[in-house]
C-alpha atoms as a PDB file:
ATOM      1  CA  MET A   1       0.058   0.169   0.132  1.00  0.00           C
ATOM      2  CA  PHE A   2       2.739   2.517   0.823  1.00  0.00           C
ATOM      3  CA  ASN A   3       5.409   1.027  -1.257  1.00  0.00           C
ATOM      4  CA  LYS A   4       3.680   1.601  -4.589  1.00  0.00           C
ATOM      5  CA  LYS A   5       5.825   3.255  -6.995  1.00  0.00           C
ATOM      6  CA  ARG A   6       3.863   6.092  -8.532  1.00  0.00           C
ATOM      7  CA  LYS A   7       4.153   6.966 -12.314  1.00  0.00           C
ATOM      8  CA  PRO A   8       5.229  10.574 -12.945  1.00  0.00           C
ATOM      9  CA  GLU A   9       2.596  12.789 -13.490  1.00  0.00           C
ATOM     10  CA  THR A  10       2.704  14.412 -16.771  1.00  0.00           C
ATOM     11  CA  ASN A  11       1.698  18.191 -16.849  1.00  0.00           C
ATOM     12  CA  MET A  12       0.271  19.618 -19.887  1.00  0.00           C
ATOM     13  CA  ALA A  13       2.123  22.844 -19.335  1.00  0.00           C
ATOM     14  CA  GLN A  14       5.432  20.796 -19.228  1.00  0.00           C
ATOM     15  CA  ASN A  15       4.531  19.174 -22.683  1.00  0.00           C
ATOM     16  CA  ASN A  16       4.020  22.509 -24.105  1.00  0.00           C
ATOM     17  CA  GLN A  17       7.193  24.165 -22.702  1.00  0.00           C
ATOM     18  CA  GLN A  18       9.231  21.015 -24.081  1.00  0.00           C
ATOM     19  CA  GLN A  19       7.779  21.842 -27.570  1.00  0.00           C
ATOM     20  CA  LEU A  20       8.134  25.655 -27.257  1.00  0.00           C
ATOM     21  CA  ASP A  21      10.790  27.151 -29.680  1.00  0.00           C
ATOM     22  CA  THR A  22      10.266  30.648 -29.077  1.00  0.00           C
ATOM     23  CA  LEU A  23       9.439  32.832 -26.143  1.00  0.00           C
ATOM     24  CA  ILE A  24       9.138  36.601 -25.982  1.00  0.00           C
ATOM     25  CA  GLY A  25       8.685  37.459 -22.272  1.00  0.00           C
ATOM     26  CA  GLN A  26       6.276  40.258 -21.064  1.00  0.00           C
ATOM     27  CA  SER A  27       8.612  42.925 -20.494  1.00  0.00           C
ATOM     28  CA  THR A  28      10.119  42.516 -23.980  1.00  0.00           C
ATOM     29  CA  ARG A  29       9.238  45.235 -26.749  1.00  0.00           C
ATOM     30  CA  LEU A  30      10.149  44.242 -30.461  1.00  0.00           C
ATOM     31  CA  LYS A  31      10.249  46.768 -33.339  1.00  0.00           C
ATOM     32  CA  GLY A  32      10.564  44.919 -36.770  1.00  0.00           C
ATOM     33  CA  ASP A  33       9.419  41.997 -38.868  1.00  0.00           C
ATOM     34  CA  MET A  34       9.928  38.520 -37.629  1.00  0.00           C
ATOM     35  CA  THR A  35       9.793  34.936 -38.565  1.00  0.00           C
ATOM     36  CA  PHE A  36       9.744  31.955 -36.564  1.00  0.00           C
ATOM     37  CA  ASN A  37       9.580  28.162 -36.705  1.00  0.00           C
ATOM     38  CA  GLY A  38       7.836  25.580 -34.750  1.00  0.00           C
ATOM     39  CA  MET A  39       5.843  27.200 -31.466  1.00  0.00           C
ATOM     40  CA  MET A  40       6.356  30.700 -30.452  1.00  0.00           C
ATOM     41  CA  HIS A  41       4.730  32.137 -27.225  1.00  0.00           C
ATOM     42  CA  LEU A  42       4.230  35.897 -27.307  1.00  0.00           C
ATOM     43  CA  ASP A  43       3.651  37.626 -23.567  1.00  0.00           C
ATOM     44  CA  GLY A  44       5.511  40.812 -25.038  1.00  0.00           C
ATOM     45  CA  ARG A  45       4.847  43.234 -27.592  1.00  0.00           C
ATOM     46  CA  VAL A  46       5.716  43.400 -31.427  1.00  0.00           C
ATOM     47  CA  GLU A  47       5.578  46.261 -33.562  1.00  0.00           C
ATOM     48  CA  GLY A  48       5.926  44.858 -36.978  1.00  0.00           C
ATOM     49  CA  SER A  49       4.785  41.724 -39.018  1.00  0.00           C
ATOM     50  CA  ILE A  50       4.756  38.041 -37.704  1.00  0.00           C
ATOM     51  CA  ILE A  51       5.149  35.464 -40.283  1.00  0.00           C
ATOM     52  CA  ALA A  52       5.431  31.795 -39.580  1.00  0.00           C
ATOM     53  CA  GLU A  53       7.892  29.797 -41.925  1.00  0.00           C
ATOM     54  CA  ASN A  54       5.675  26.544 -42.407  1.00  0.00           C
ATOM     55  CA  ASP A  55       1.897  26.025 -42.195  1.00  0.00           C
ATOM     56  CA  ASN A  56       2.162  23.614 -38.964  1.00  0.00           C
ATOM     57  CA  ASP A  57       3.888  26.355 -37.099  1.00  0.00           C
ATOM     58  CA  THR A  58       1.702  27.715 -34.035  1.00  0.00           C
ATOM     59  CA  LEU A  59       1.763  31.176 -32.533  1.00  0.00           C
ATOM     60  CA  THR A  60       0.074  31.755 -29.070  1.00  0.00           C
ATOM     61  CA  ILE A  61      -0.436  35.383 -28.165  1.00  0.00           C
ATOM     62  CA  SER A  62      -1.196  35.428 -24.302  1.00  0.00           C
ATOM     63  CA  GLU A  63      -3.568  38.075 -22.389  1.00  0.00           C
ATOM     64  CA  ASN A  64      -0.381  40.242 -21.789  1.00  0.00           C
ATOM     65  CA  GLY A  65       0.727  40.046 -25.472  1.00  0.00           C
ATOM     66  CA  GLY A  66       0.023  42.372 -28.512  1.00  0.00           C
ATOM     67  CA  VAL A  67       0.814  43.002 -32.125  1.00  0.00           C
ATOM     68  CA  LYS A  68       0.724  45.849 -34.186  1.00  0.00           C
ATOM     69  CA  GLY A  69       1.218  44.618 -37.831  1.00  0.00           C
ATOM     70  CA  THR A  70       0.203  41.549 -39.892  1.00  0.00           C
ATOM     71  CA  ILE A  71       0.168  38.160 -38.719  1.00  0.00           C
ATOM     72  CA  LYS A  72       0.651  34.839 -40.910  1.00  0.00           C
ATOM     73  CA  ALA A  73       0.798  31.563 -39.278  1.00  0.00           C
ATOM     74  CA  GLY A  74      -0.557  27.933 -39.482  1.00  0.00           C
ATOM     75  CA  ASN A  75      -2.168  28.048 -36.245  1.00  0.00           C
ATOM     76  CA  LEU A  76      -3.060  31.040 -33.769  1.00  0.00           C
ATOM     77  CA  VAL A  77      -4.256  31.113 -30.294  1.00  0.00           C
ATOM     78  CA  ILE A  78      -4.819  34.677 -29.637  1.00  0.00           C
ATOM     79  CA  ASN A  79      -5.919  36.009 -26.070  1.00  0.00           C
ATOM     80  CA  GLY A  80      -4.236  39.264 -26.389  1.00  0.00           C
ATOM     81  CA  THR A  81      -4.469  42.584 -28.648  1.00  0.00           C
ATOM     82  CA  ILE A  82      -3.882  42.875 -32.194  1.00  0.00           C
ATOM     83  CA  ASP A  83      -4.086  45.698 -34.417  1.00  0.00           C
ATOM     84  CA  GLY A  84      -3.669  44.478 -38.256  1.00  0.00           C
ATOM     85  CA  ASP A  85      -4.698  41.735 -40.305  1.00  0.00           C
ATOM     86  CA  ILE A  86      -4.441  38.098 -39.315  1.00  0.00           C
ATOM     87  CA  THR A  87      -4.058  34.889 -41.918  1.00  0.00           C
ATOM     88  CA  ALA A  88      -4.067  31.454 -40.794  1.00  0.00           C
ATOM     89  CA  THR A  89      -3.989  28.237 -42.950  1.00  0.00           C
ATOM     90  CA  GLY A  90      -4.807  25.857 -40.007  1.00  0.00           C
ATOM     91  CA  LYS A  91      -6.977  26.910 -36.765  1.00  0.00           C
ATOM     92  CA  ILE A  92      -7.380  30.099 -35.323  1.00  0.00           C
ATOM     93  CA  GLU A  93      -8.530  29.961 -31.653  1.00  0.00           C
ATOM     94  CA  VAL A  94      -9.873  33.545 -30.431  1.00  0.00           C
ATOM     95  CA  LEU A  95      -9.958  33.336 -26.683  1.00  0.00           C
ATOM     96  CA  SER A  96     -12.189  35.326 -24.289  1.00  0.00           C
ATOM     97  CA  GLN A  97      -9.599  38.315 -23.627  1.00  0.00           C
ATOM     98  CA  ALA A  98      -8.568  38.726 -27.184  1.00  0.00           C
ATOM     99  CA  ARG A  99      -9.096  42.230 -28.710  1.00  0.00           C
ATOM    100  CA  ILE A 100      -8.548  42.100 -32.738  1.00  0.00           C
ATOM    101  CA  SER A 101      -8.708  45.215 -34.958  1.00  0.00           C
ATOM    102  CA  GLY A 102      -8.046  43.858 -38.424  1.00  0.00           C
ATOM    103  CA  ASN A 103      -9.429  41.359 -40.779  1.00  0.00           C
ATOM    104  CA  ILE A 104      -9.026  37.638 -40.058  1.00  0.00           C
ATOM    105  CA  TYR A 105      -8.426  35.352 -43.049  1.00  0.00           C
ATOM    106  CA  TYR A 106      -9.379  31.821 -41.760  1.00  0.00           C
ATOM    107  CA  VAL A 107      -9.795  28.195 -42.660  1.00  0.00           C
ATOM    108  CA  ASN A 108     -11.233  26.964 -39.271  1.00  0.00           C
ATOM    109  CA  ILE A 109     -11.886  29.421 -36.461  1.00  0.00           C
ATOM    110  CA  GLU A 110     -13.325  29.106 -32.793  1.00  0.00           C
ATOM    111  CA  MET A 111     -14.322  32.280 -30.819  1.00  0.00           C
ATOM    112  CA  GLU A 112     -14.749  32.382 -27.003  1.00  0.00           C
ATOM    113  CA  THR A 113     -17.536  34.633 -25.668  1.00  0.00           C
ATOM    114  CA  GLY A 114     -16.058  37.812 -24.508  1.00  0.00           C
ATOM    115  CA  SER A 115     -13.397  38.000 -27.548  1.00  0.00           C
ATOM    116  CA  GLN A 116     -13.942  41.203 -29.635  1.00  0.00           C
ATOM    117  CA  VAL A 117     -13.279  41.275 -33.387  1.00  0.00           C
ATOM    118  CA  ASN A 118     -13.423  44.759 -35.294  1.00  0.00           C
ATOM    119  CA  GLY A 119     -12.945  43.762 -38.698  1.00  0.00           C
ATOM    120  CA  GLN A 120     -14.012  41.312 -41.280  1.00  0.00           C
ATOM    121  CA  LEU A 121     -14.179  37.436 -40.924  1.00  0.00           C
ATOM    122  CA  ILE A 122     -13.046  36.315 -44.451  1.00  0.00           C
ATOM    123  CA  TYR A 123     -13.244  32.503 -44.969  1.00  0.00           C
ATOM    124  CA  GLN A 124     -10.327  31.411 -47.060  1.00  0.00           C
ATOM    125  CA  GLY A 125     -10.991  27.350 -47.402  1.00  0.00           C
ATOM    126  CA  GLY A 126     -13.780  25.277 -48.920  1.00  0.00           C
ATOM    127  CA  GLU A 127     -12.488  25.058 -52.748  1.00  0.00           C
ATOM    128  CA  VAL A 128     -14.932  22.655 -54.279  1.00  0.00           C
ATOM    129  CA  THR A 129     -13.045  19.420 -55.014  1.00  0.00           C
ATOM    130  CA  HIS A 130     -13.545  18.914 -58.617  1.00  0.00           C
ATOM    131  CA  ILE A 131     -14.311  15.300 -60.180  1.00  0.00           C
ATOM    132  CA  ASN A 132     -11.689  14.605 -62.606  1.00  0.00           C
ATOM    133  CA  LYS A 133     -12.791  13.851 -66.150  1.00  0.00           C
ATOM    134  CA  HIS A 134     -11.775  10.214 -66.270  1.00  0.00           C
ATOM    135  CA  ASP A 135     -13.948   9.579 -63.010  1.00  0.00           C
ATOM    136  CA  LYS A 136     -16.919  11.648 -64.693  1.00  0.00           C
ATOM    137  CA  GLN A 137     -16.521   9.641 -68.004  1.00  0.00           C
ATOM    138  CA  ALA A 138     -16.800   6.132 -66.305  1.00  0.00           C
ATOM    139  CA  LYS A 139     -19.784   7.211 -64.007  1.00  0.00           C
ATOM    140  CA  ASP A 140     -21.507   8.600 -67.272  1.00  0.00           C
ATOM    141  CA  GLN A 141     -20.794   5.275 -69.011  1.00  0.00           C
ATOM    142  CA  GLN A 142     -22.394   3.287 -66.156  1.00  0.00           C
ATOM    143  CA  HIS A 143     -25.649   5.212 -66.473  1.00  0.00           C
ATOM    144  CA  GLU A 144     -25.806   4.340 -70.111  1.00  0.00           C
END
């Protein structure tokens, strides 16, 4: 009873920290455009564009974080302030403390109650998958 070995608990925050590639602290202010790869967490302020190198890169902006400029990333989690347009090729999560002034170009978006967006939501996905001619001809021949 007392000698059982416990499995080490896996903390989700620890897992996220292990995967985190870039952290910009709350007291940090950056001016200029930047690119990132992997996972980036922003607690500070950036004046300039933030652009991910790949479609699977993720940018998280905390309630203390802010961006004045354009953001382009695969996935975004926003809980801070953004003044500029946002484009995501994957999923955007707009959390309750988010304040966004700009257009959001999205494929998949989730917005929490309390979040504010002053701009347009512009859907970028959903292109119709065309049936190629060979498949269509085969179907037409079956119906004859």
